[in-house]
N, C-alpha and C. Protein backbone atom coordinates (compact mmCIF):
# COMPACT_ATOMS: atom_id res chain seq x y z
N MET A 1 5.72 -0.22 -31.42
CA MET A 1 5.75 -1.98 -31.41
C MET A 1 4.26 -1.81 -30.59
N ALA A 2 3.76 -2.60 -31.48
CA ALA A 2 2.61 -3.16 -30.33
C ALA A 2 3.32 -4.23 -29.62
N VAL A 3 2.02 -3.78 -27.85
CA VAL A 3 1.88 -4.84 -27.54
C VAL A 3 1.02 -5.35 -27.52
N GLN A 4 1.25 -7.02 -26.99
CA GLN A 4 -0.19 -7.83 -27.74
C GLN A 4 -0.31 -8.56 -26.52
N GLN A 5 -1.60 -8.64 -26.04
CA GLN A 5 -1.73 -9.30 -24.29
C GLN A 5 -2.30 -10.44 -25.13
N LYS A 6 -2.18 -11.27 -23.45
CA LYS A 6 -2.20 -12.39 -23.89
C LYS A 6 -3.49 -12.93 -23.68
N ARG A 7 -4.26 -13.51 -24.33
CA ARG A 7 -6.13 -14.15 -23.89
C ARG A 7 -5.67 -15.43 -23.10
N ARG A 8 -6.95 -14.78 -22.33
CA ARG A 8 -7.00 -16.11 -21.72
C ARG A 8 -8.30 -16.75 -21.49
N SER A 9 -7.66 -18.03 -21.44
CA SER A 9 -9.10 -19.01 -21.67
C SER A 9 -9.78 -18.64 -21.16
N TRP A 10 -11.12 -19.00 -21.55
CA TRP A 10 -12.21 -19.31 -20.32
C TRP A 10 -12.37 -20.26 -19.83
N THR A 11 -11.53 -21.22 -19.86
CA THR A 11 -11.21 -22.33 -18.80
C THR A 11 -10.61 -21.49 -17.10
N ALA A 12 -10.18 -20.69 -17.91
CA ALA A 12 -9.25 -19.70 -16.72
C ALA A 12 -10.62 -19.60 -15.39
N PHE A 13 -11.75 -19.32 -16.11
CA PHE A 13 -12.84 -18.49 -15.23
C PHE A 13 -13.79 -19.43 -14.27
N THR A 14 -13.97 -20.73 -14.85
CA THR A 14 -14.33 -22.16 -14.25
C THR A 14 -14.04 -22.25 -13.43
N THR A 15 -13.19 -22.37 -12.75
CA THR A 15 -13.67 -22.39 -10.99
C THR A 15 -14.08 -21.37 -10.33
N PRO A 16 -13.28 -20.57 -10.84
CA PRO A 16 -14.58 -19.00 -9.84
C PRO A 16 -15.71 -19.06 -10.14
N ILE A 17 -16.41 -19.16 -11.45
CA ILE A 17 -17.84 -19.16 -11.53
C ILE A 17 -18.23 -20.30 -11.19
N PHE A 18 -17.74 -21.31 -10.85
CA PHE A 18 -18.28 -23.07 -10.20
C PHE A 18 -18.57 -22.67 -8.93
N LEU A 19 -17.70 -21.97 -8.09
CA LEU A 19 -17.51 -21.36 -6.66
C LEU A 19 -19.23 -20.68 -6.38
N ALA A 20 -18.98 -19.43 -7.14
CA ALA A 20 -19.94 -18.36 -7.15
C ALA A 20 -20.88 -19.05 -6.98
N VAL A 21 -21.08 -19.64 -7.91
CA VAL A 21 -22.75 -20.06 -8.79
C VAL A 21 -22.90 -21.49 -7.61
N SER A 22 -21.91 -22.36 -7.00
CA SER A 22 -22.31 -22.70 -5.41
C SER A 22 -22.86 -22.55 -4.32
N ILE A 23 -21.98 -21.50 -4.09
CA ILE A 23 -22.42 -20.52 -3.30
C ILE A 23 -23.29 -20.00 -3.07
N ILE A 24 -24.40 -20.13 -4.30
CA ILE A 24 -25.19 -19.35 -4.27
C ILE A 24 -26.84 -20.09 -4.03
N THR A 25 -26.64 -21.28 -4.66
CA THR A 25 -27.41 -21.90 -5.19
C THR A 25 -27.48 -22.83 -3.55
N LEU A 26 -26.17 -22.85 -2.21
CA LEU A 26 -26.67 -23.73 -1.59
C LEU A 26 -26.72 -22.68 -0.35
N ALA A 27 -27.04 -21.28 -0.43
CA ALA A 27 -27.63 -19.85 0.48
C ALA A 27 -29.32 -20.05 -0.29
N ILE A 28 -29.86 -20.49 -1.30
CA ILE A 28 -30.57 -20.83 -1.66
C ILE A 28 -31.70 -22.30 -1.06
N LEU A 29 -30.73 -22.64 -1.06
CA LEU A 29 -31.21 -24.10 -0.87
C LEU A 29 -31.87 -24.22 0.50
N GLU A 30 -30.76 -23.63 1.53
CA GLU A 30 -30.46 -23.38 2.93
C GLU A 30 -32.10 -22.67 3.37
N ILE A 31 -32.17 -21.21 3.02
CA ILE A 31 -33.47 -20.42 2.98
C ILE A 31 -34.18 -21.04 2.84
N TYR A 32 -34.64 -21.61 1.64
CA TYR A 32 -35.70 -22.41 1.05
C TYR A 32 -35.97 -24.23 1.95
N ARG A 33 -34.72 -24.04 2.78
CA ARG A 33 -35.03 -25.20 3.90
C ARG A 33 -36.05 -24.92 5.36
N ARG A 34 -35.65 -23.44 5.43
CA ARG A 34 -35.77 -22.90 6.80
C ARG A 34 -37.31 -23.00 6.65
N SER A 35 -37.46 -22.16 5.45
CA SER A 35 -39.07 -21.76 5.28
C SER A 35 -40.07 -23.49 5.01
N MET A 36 -39.57 -24.45 4.54
CA MET A 36 -40.25 -25.61 5.04
C MET A 36 -40.33 -26.36 6.14
N ALA A 37 -39.36 -25.75 6.96
CA ALA A 37 -39.11 -27.00 8.13
C ALA A 37 -40.54 -26.44 9.05
N GLY A 38 -41.24 -27.53 9.56
CA GLY A 38 -42.09 -28.16 10.56
C GLY A 38 -43.57 -27.52 9.44
N LEU A 39 -43.10 -27.31 8.18
CA LEU A 39 -44.63 -27.15 7.73
C LEU A 39 -45.64 -28.74 7.33
N PHE A 40 -44.91 -29.91 7.84
CA PHE A 40 -46.21 -31.10 7.25
C PHE A 40 -46.19 -31.07 8.98
N THR A 41 -45.25 -31.05 10.48
CA THR A 41 -45.80 -32.04 11.32
C THR A 41 -47.00 -32.03 11.85
N ASP A 42 -47.88 -31.72 11.40
CA ASP A 42 -49.48 -31.56 11.88
C ASP A 42 -49.78 -32.52 11.09
N LEU A 43 -49.14 -33.05 9.89
CA LEU A 43 -49.82 -33.47 8.74
C LEU A 43 -49.91 -35.03 9.29
N LYS A 44 -51.15 -35.97 9.32
CA LYS A 44 -51.26 -36.74 9.49
C LYS A 44 -50.50 -38.48 8.82
N GLY A 45 -49.92 -39.44 8.68
CA GLY A 45 -50.02 -40.30 7.21
C GLY A 45 -51.06 -41.10 6.73
N GLY A 46 -50.91 -41.38 5.54
CA GLY A 46 -51.72 -41.00 4.76
C GLY A 46 -52.32 -42.99 4.63
N SER A 47 -53.11 -43.46 3.63
CA SER A 47 -53.32 -44.69 3.71
C SER A 47 -52.18 -45.20 3.15
N SER A 48 -52.64 -46.20 3.20
CA SER A 48 -52.07 -48.13 2.86
C SER A 48 -51.80 -47.51 1.37
N ALA A 49 -53.11 -47.63 0.18
CA ALA A 49 -53.28 -47.27 -0.90
C ALA A 49 -52.49 -46.25 -1.52
N GLY A 50 -52.59 -45.74 -1.15
CA GLY A 50 -51.53 -44.21 -1.62
C GLY A 50 -50.77 -43.74 -1.41
N LEU A 51 -49.83 -44.82 -0.19
CA LEU A 51 -48.57 -45.51 0.11
C LEU A 51 -47.70 -45.87 -1.24
N ALA A 52 -49.30 -46.83 -1.83
CA ALA A 52 -48.42 -48.29 -2.51
C ALA A 52 -48.30 -47.67 -3.85
N LEU A 53 -49.30 -46.84 -4.27
CA LEU A 53 -49.24 -45.77 -5.42
C LEU A 53 -48.32 -45.23 -4.96
N ALA A 54 -47.43 -44.31 -4.67
CA ALA A 54 -46.41 -43.20 -4.46
C ALA A 54 -44.79 -44.29 -4.59
N TYR A 55 -44.73 -45.24 -3.86
CA TYR A 55 -44.53 -46.39 -4.64
C TYR A 55 -43.93 -46.80 -6.28
N ALA A 56 -45.66 -47.44 -5.81
CA ALA A 56 -45.95 -47.68 -7.56
C ALA A 56 -45.20 -46.79 -8.79
N GLY A 57 -45.01 -45.39 -8.42
CA GLY A 57 -44.88 -44.25 -8.94
C GLY A 57 -43.32 -44.34 -9.62
N SER A 58 -42.86 -44.22 -7.97
CA SER A 58 -41.61 -44.15 -8.26
C SER A 58 -40.48 -45.33 -8.69
N LEU A 59 -40.96 -46.40 -8.47
CA LEU A 59 -39.98 -47.68 -9.68
C LEU A 59 -40.45 -47.12 -10.77
N SER A 60 -42.05 -46.95 -11.50
CA SER A 60 -41.89 -46.43 -12.46
C SER A 60 -41.14 -45.97 -13.07
N LEU A 61 -40.92 -44.62 -12.20
CA LEU A 61 -39.45 -43.28 -13.03
C LEU A 61 -38.44 -43.87 -13.06
N VAL A 62 -38.02 -44.90 -12.15
CA VAL A 62 -36.78 -45.37 -12.25
C VAL A 62 -36.57 -46.16 -13.28
N ALA A 63 -37.36 -46.85 -13.35
CA ALA A 63 -37.80 -47.72 -14.77
C ALA A 63 -37.47 -47.01 -16.04
N ALA A 64 -38.02 -46.13 -16.23
CA ALA A 64 -38.07 -45.81 -17.50
C ALA A 64 -37.21 -44.37 -17.16
N GLN A 65 -36.19 -44.23 -16.23
CA GLN A 65 -35.23 -43.71 -16.71
C GLN A 65 -33.91 -44.55 -16.99
N PHE A 66 -33.89 -46.09 -16.49
CA PHE A 66 -32.73 -46.98 -16.07
C PHE A 66 -33.06 -47.39 -18.11
N TYR A 67 -34.61 -47.53 -18.17
CA TYR A 67 -34.65 -47.60 -20.37
C TYR A 67 -33.73 -46.66 -20.77
N THR A 68 -34.12 -45.58 -20.63
CA THR A 68 -33.66 -44.01 -21.65
C THR A 68 -32.24 -44.57 -21.70
N ILE A 69 -30.98 -44.49 -20.68
CA ILE A 69 -29.71 -44.49 -20.51
C ILE A 69 -29.38 -45.68 -20.79
N VAL A 70 -29.92 -46.78 -21.00
CA VAL A 70 -29.64 -47.99 -21.72
C VAL A 70 -29.91 -47.75 -23.11
N LYS A 71 -30.73 -46.85 -23.63
CA LYS A 71 -31.38 -46.93 -25.13
C LYS A 71 -30.25 -46.27 -25.83
N ARG A 72 -30.13 -45.22 -24.75
CA ARG A 72 -29.12 -44.10 -25.34
C ARG A 72 -27.67 -44.12 -25.09
N SER A 73 -27.15 -45.18 -24.58
CA SER A 73 -25.92 -45.84 -24.14
C SER A 73 -25.33 -46.35 -25.85
N GLY A 74 -26.05 -47.55 -26.19
CA GLY A 74 -25.94 -48.41 -26.96
C GLY A 74 -25.46 -49.33 -26.86
N TRP A 75 -25.45 -50.30 -25.07
CA TRP A 75 -25.41 -51.38 -24.85
C TRP A 75 -26.02 -52.22 -25.34
N ILE A 76 -27.35 -52.18 -25.62
CA ILE A 76 -28.06 -53.39 -26.07
C ILE A 76 -27.52 -53.49 -27.52
N GLY A 77 -26.97 -52.61 -28.30
CA GLY A 77 -26.00 -52.92 -29.54
C GLY A 77 -24.70 -53.60 -29.61
N PHE A 78 -24.28 -53.15 -28.18
CA PHE A 78 -23.00 -53.23 -28.07
C PHE A 78 -23.58 -55.38 -27.69
N ILE A 79 -24.31 -55.22 -26.90
CA ILE A 79 -24.48 -56.76 -26.14
C ILE A 79 -24.36 -57.56 -27.72
N LYS A 80 -25.69 -57.33 -28.30
CA LYS A 80 -26.35 -58.65 -30.16
C LYS A 80 -24.82 -58.35 -30.79
N LYS A 81 -24.06 -56.88 -31.03
CA LYS A 81 -23.16 -57.95 -31.49
C LYS A 81 -21.95 -58.63 -30.87
N MET A 82 -21.87 -58.61 -29.38
CA MET A 82 -20.81 -59.58 -28.91
C MET A 82 -21.53 -61.15 -28.87
N ALA A 83 -23.38 -61.24 -29.12
CA ALA A 83 -23.62 -62.11 -28.52
C ALA A 83 -23.86 -63.29 -30.40
N GLU A 84 -24.16 -62.16 -31.03
CA GLU A 84 -23.07 -62.49 -32.95
C GLU A 84 -21.66 -63.31 -32.51
N HIS A 85 -21.26 -62.59 -32.38
CA HIS A 85 -19.53 -62.53 -32.50
C HIS A 85 -19.15 -63.51 -31.83
N THR A 86 -19.69 -64.58 -30.56
CA THR A 86 -19.92 -65.62 -29.72
C THR A 86 -20.23 -66.42 -30.21
N HIS A 87 -21.25 -65.95 -31.02
CA HIS A 87 -22.34 -68.01 -31.13
C HIS A 87 -21.74 -67.63 -32.20
N GLY A 88 -21.52 -67.11 -32.76
CA GLY A 88 -21.54 -67.34 -35.06
C GLY A 88 -20.46 -67.68 -35.64
């Protein structure tokens, strides 16, 4: 009589793999942080125009991401459907 081996699900290995990848990622980020420490200490601040450009760029990125999330999530269709239901 052959002995059947019990198959282990791949989900049984997700926690150890996640922990190992997390520890490796944290170690790499710590090495990166130490290598970048003190890199910007001698630099002076930029102009107000540069700061305004950076803020405008950041806000446009946030707006683009919000638009993408709303478009892909189907909120617009749901809102239109609810508006038709309540008004008509």
